[in-house]
N, C-alpha and C. Protein backbone atom coordinates (compact mmCIF):
# COMPACT_ATOMS: atom_id res chain seq x y z
N MET A 1 15.77 20.50 -27.28
CA MET A 1 16.25 21.24 -26.13
C MET A 1 17.22 20.35 -25.35
N LYS A 2 18.32 20.91 -24.91
CA LYS A 2 19.32 20.17 -24.16
C LYS A 2 19.01 20.28 -22.67
N PHE A 3 19.07 19.13 -21.98
CA PHE A 3 18.84 19.11 -20.54
C PHE A 3 20.12 18.76 -19.82
N TYR A 4 20.25 19.26 -18.60
CA TYR A 4 21.36 18.94 -17.73
C TYR A 4 20.80 18.11 -16.58
N ARG A 5 21.31 16.90 -16.41
CA ARG A 5 20.86 16.04 -15.31
C ARG A 5 21.56 16.50 -14.05
N ILE A 6 20.78 16.87 -13.03
CA ILE A 6 21.35 17.32 -11.76
C ILE A 6 20.80 16.46 -10.63
N LYS A 7 21.52 16.47 -9.52
CA LYS A 7 21.07 15.83 -8.29
C LYS A 7 20.65 16.94 -7.33
N VAL A 8 19.47 16.78 -6.73
CA VAL A 8 18.93 17.77 -5.80
C VAL A 8 18.95 17.17 -4.39
N PHE A 9 19.53 17.92 -3.45
CA PHE A 9 19.70 17.45 -2.08
C PHE A 9 19.04 18.40 -1.08
N CYS A 10 18.64 17.87 0.07
CA CYS A 10 18.14 18.69 1.18
C CYS A 10 19.32 19.47 1.76
N ALA A 11 19.14 20.76 1.95
CA ALA A 11 20.21 21.61 2.47
C ALA A 11 20.47 21.35 3.96
N LYS A 12 19.47 20.85 4.67
CA LYS A 12 19.62 20.63 6.11
C LYS A 12 20.35 19.32 6.43
N CYS A 13 19.91 18.21 5.81
CA CYS A 13 20.47 16.91 6.19
C CYS A 13 21.22 16.22 5.06
N LYS A 14 21.26 16.83 3.87
CA LYS A 14 21.99 16.32 2.71
C LYS A 14 21.35 15.08 2.07
N PHE A 15 20.07 14.81 2.34
CA PHE A 15 19.38 13.66 1.74
C PHE A 15 19.18 13.90 0.24
N HIS A 16 19.40 12.88 -0.58
CA HIS A 16 19.23 12.97 -2.03
C HIS A 16 17.73 12.92 -2.35
N LEU A 17 17.16 14.04 -2.81
CA LEU A 17 15.73 14.15 -3.06
C LEU A 17 15.34 13.73 -4.47
N TYR A 18 16.02 14.27 -5.48
CA TYR A 18 15.65 14.06 -6.88
C TYR A 18 16.89 13.91 -7.76
N ASN A 19 16.67 13.26 -8.90
CA ASN A 19 17.49 13.47 -10.09
C ASN A 19 16.57 14.21 -11.04
N TYR A 20 17.04 15.30 -11.60
CA TYR A 20 16.16 16.20 -12.36
C TYR A 20 16.84 16.64 -13.65
N ASP A 21 16.06 16.72 -14.72
CA ASP A 21 16.56 17.22 -16.00
C ASP A 21 16.29 18.72 -16.07
N LYS A 22 17.32 19.52 -15.83
CA LYS A 22 17.22 20.98 -15.84
C LYS A 22 17.50 21.50 -17.24
N ASP A 23 16.76 22.51 -17.68
CA ASP A 23 16.90 22.99 -19.06
C ASP A 23 17.96 24.07 -19.24
N ALA A 24 18.41 24.68 -18.17
CA ALA A 24 19.43 25.73 -18.29
C ALA A 24 20.30 25.71 -17.04
N LYS A 25 21.51 26.20 -17.17
CA LYS A 25 22.37 26.31 -16.01
C LYS A 25 21.90 27.47 -15.15
N GLY A 26 22.21 27.44 -13.87
CA GLY A 26 21.83 28.52 -12.97
C GLY A 26 21.08 28.01 -11.76
N HIS A 27 20.44 28.92 -11.07
CA HIS A 27 19.72 28.60 -9.84
C HIS A 27 18.54 27.68 -10.12
N LEU A 28 18.21 26.86 -9.13
CA LEU A 28 17.05 25.97 -9.23
C LEU A 28 15.87 26.68 -8.57
N VAL A 29 14.93 27.13 -9.37
CA VAL A 29 13.77 27.87 -8.89
C VAL A 29 12.54 26.96 -8.82
N LYS A 30 12.40 26.10 -9.83
CA LYS A 30 11.25 25.20 -9.90
C LYS A 30 11.68 23.91 -10.55
N CYS A 31 10.95 22.85 -10.24
CA CYS A 31 11.15 21.56 -10.88
C CYS A 31 9.84 21.15 -11.53
N TYR A 32 9.83 21.11 -12.86
CA TYR A 32 8.65 20.59 -13.55
C TYR A 32 8.52 19.11 -13.22
N LYS A 33 7.33 18.70 -12.83
CA LYS A 33 7.14 17.32 -12.39
C LYS A 33 7.48 16.30 -13.47
N GLU A 34 7.23 16.64 -14.74
CA GLU A 34 7.52 15.68 -15.80
C GLU A 34 9.02 15.50 -16.05
N ARG A 35 9.85 16.40 -15.53
CA ARG A 35 11.29 16.30 -15.71
C ARG A 35 12.01 15.66 -14.52
N ILE A 36 11.27 15.30 -13.47
CA ILE A 36 11.88 14.61 -12.34
C ILE A 36 12.10 13.16 -12.76
N VAL A 37 13.36 12.78 -12.88
CA VAL A 37 13.72 11.45 -13.38
C VAL A 37 13.58 10.41 -12.28
N ASP A 38 14.19 10.66 -11.13
CA ASP A 38 14.13 9.77 -9.97
C ASP A 38 13.69 10.59 -8.77
N ASP A 39 12.60 10.17 -8.12
CA ASP A 39 12.06 10.88 -6.97
C ASP A 39 12.24 9.99 -5.74
N TYR A 40 13.08 10.44 -4.80
CA TYR A 40 13.35 9.67 -3.59
C TYR A 40 12.55 10.18 -2.39
N THR A 41 11.54 11.02 -2.66
CA THR A 41 10.67 11.54 -1.61
C THR A 41 9.37 10.74 -1.62
N LYS A 42 8.49 11.06 -0.69
CA LYS A 42 7.17 10.42 -0.63
C LYS A 42 6.14 11.20 -1.44
N GLY A 43 6.59 12.24 -2.15
CA GLY A 43 5.69 13.05 -2.97
C GLY A 43 4.98 14.15 -2.22
N ASP A 44 5.29 14.34 -0.94
CA ASP A 44 4.63 15.37 -0.13
C ASP A 44 5.45 16.65 -0.02
N LEU A 45 6.54 16.75 -0.79
CA LEU A 45 7.43 17.93 -0.83
C LEU A 45 8.13 18.19 0.50
N LYS A 46 8.29 17.13 1.29
CA LYS A 46 9.06 17.18 2.53
C LYS A 46 10.20 16.19 2.42
N CYS A 47 11.31 16.53 3.03
CA CYS A 47 12.45 15.63 3.05
C CYS A 47 12.08 14.39 3.87
N PRO A 48 12.25 13.19 3.32
CA PRO A 48 11.91 11.98 4.07
C PRO A 48 12.80 11.75 5.29
N ASP A 49 13.99 12.35 5.31
CA ASP A 49 14.93 12.14 6.41
C ASP A 49 14.68 13.09 7.58
N CYS A 50 14.61 14.40 7.29
CA CYS A 50 14.48 15.38 8.39
C CYS A 50 13.10 16.03 8.45
N GLY A 51 12.26 15.87 7.43
CA GLY A 51 10.90 16.37 7.46
C GLY A 51 10.72 17.83 7.06
N ILE A 52 11.78 18.52 6.64
CA ILE A 52 11.66 19.92 6.27
C ILE A 52 10.89 20.07 4.94
N LEU A 53 10.04 21.06 4.86
CA LEU A 53 9.31 21.37 3.63
C LEU A 53 10.28 22.10 2.70
N PHE A 54 10.51 21.54 1.50
CA PHE A 54 11.49 22.14 0.60
C PHE A 54 10.87 22.75 -0.65
N ALA A 55 9.57 22.55 -0.90
CA ALA A 55 8.93 23.09 -2.10
C ALA A 55 7.42 23.20 -1.88
N ARG A 56 6.78 23.94 -2.80
CA ARG A 56 5.33 24.08 -2.82
C ARG A 56 4.83 23.75 -4.23
N GLU A 57 3.63 23.22 -4.34
CA GLU A 57 3.07 22.93 -5.66
C GLU A 57 2.68 24.22 -6.36
N ALA A 58 2.90 24.26 -7.67
CA ALA A 58 2.61 25.46 -8.46
C ALA A 58 2.37 25.05 -9.90
N MET A 59 1.92 26.00 -10.71
CA MET A 59 1.75 25.81 -12.14
C MET A 59 2.59 26.87 -12.85
N TYR A 60 3.38 26.44 -13.83
CA TYR A 60 4.17 27.34 -14.66
C TYR A 60 3.91 26.98 -16.11
N HIS A 61 3.49 27.95 -16.88
CA HIS A 61 3.22 27.75 -18.31
C HIS A 61 2.26 26.58 -18.54
N GLY A 62 1.29 26.45 -17.63
CA GLY A 62 0.29 25.39 -17.73
C GLY A 62 0.78 24.00 -17.36
N MET A 63 1.97 23.91 -16.76
CA MET A 63 2.54 22.62 -16.39
C MET A 63 2.73 22.55 -14.87
N PRO A 64 2.38 21.42 -14.24
CA PRO A 64 2.59 21.29 -12.80
C PRO A 64 4.07 21.26 -12.45
N ALA A 65 4.41 21.95 -11.38
CA ALA A 65 5.81 22.07 -10.97
C ALA A 65 5.89 22.15 -9.45
N ASN A 66 7.09 21.93 -8.94
CA ASN A 66 7.38 22.13 -7.53
C ASN A 66 8.21 23.40 -7.42
N LYS A 67 7.68 24.42 -6.77
CA LYS A 67 8.36 25.69 -6.57
C LYS A 67 9.29 25.52 -5.38
N ILE A 68 10.57 25.60 -5.61
CA ILE A 68 11.58 25.37 -4.57
C ILE A 68 11.61 26.55 -3.60
N ILE A 69 11.62 26.25 -2.31
CA ILE A 69 11.75 27.27 -1.27
C ILE A 69 13.24 27.59 -1.15
N GLN A 70 13.58 28.85 -1.36
CA GLN A 70 14.97 29.28 -1.40
C GLN A 70 15.72 28.88 -0.13
N GLY A 71 16.89 28.28 -0.32
CA GLY A 71 17.74 27.89 0.79
C GLY A 71 17.46 26.52 1.35
N LYS A 72 16.42 25.83 0.88
CA LYS A 72 16.07 24.52 1.42
C LYS A 72 16.72 23.36 0.68
N VAL A 73 17.20 23.60 -0.54
CA VAL A 73 17.87 22.55 -1.31
C VAL A 73 19.15 23.11 -1.93
N TYR A 74 20.00 22.21 -2.35
CA TYR A 74 21.14 22.57 -3.21
C TYR A 74 21.26 21.48 -4.25
N HIS A 75 21.97 21.77 -5.33
CA HIS A 75 22.12 20.77 -6.37
C HIS A 75 23.55 20.71 -6.86
N THR A 76 23.88 19.53 -7.40
CA THR A 76 25.18 19.34 -8.01
C THR A 76 24.97 19.15 -9.49
N GLY A 77 26.03 19.28 -10.25
CA GLY A 77 25.96 19.17 -11.70
C GLY A 77 25.54 17.80 -12.19
N HIS A 78 26.03 17.43 -13.31
CA HIS A 78 25.61 16.20 -13.98
C HIS A 78 25.77 15.00 -13.05
N CYS A 79 24.80 14.07 -13.17
CA CYS A 79 24.90 12.85 -12.36
C CYS A 79 25.05 11.63 -13.25
């Protein structure tokens, strides 16, 4: 499977949250925890800079993931 490395940022303060291996182009709905390459957060799903909650813990296909709250993050293409 081909992955696209993306950078995930806080939509409010522009803090760099993750580098993530995304499996398809399009909207970022969830981040599988095993595909998070670099995590610049404290692991509490809040932006370390502004404190906004950007995701919730969830399970997809039996794998732990972070369900992204719509409008709280944006991402750029390959990093």
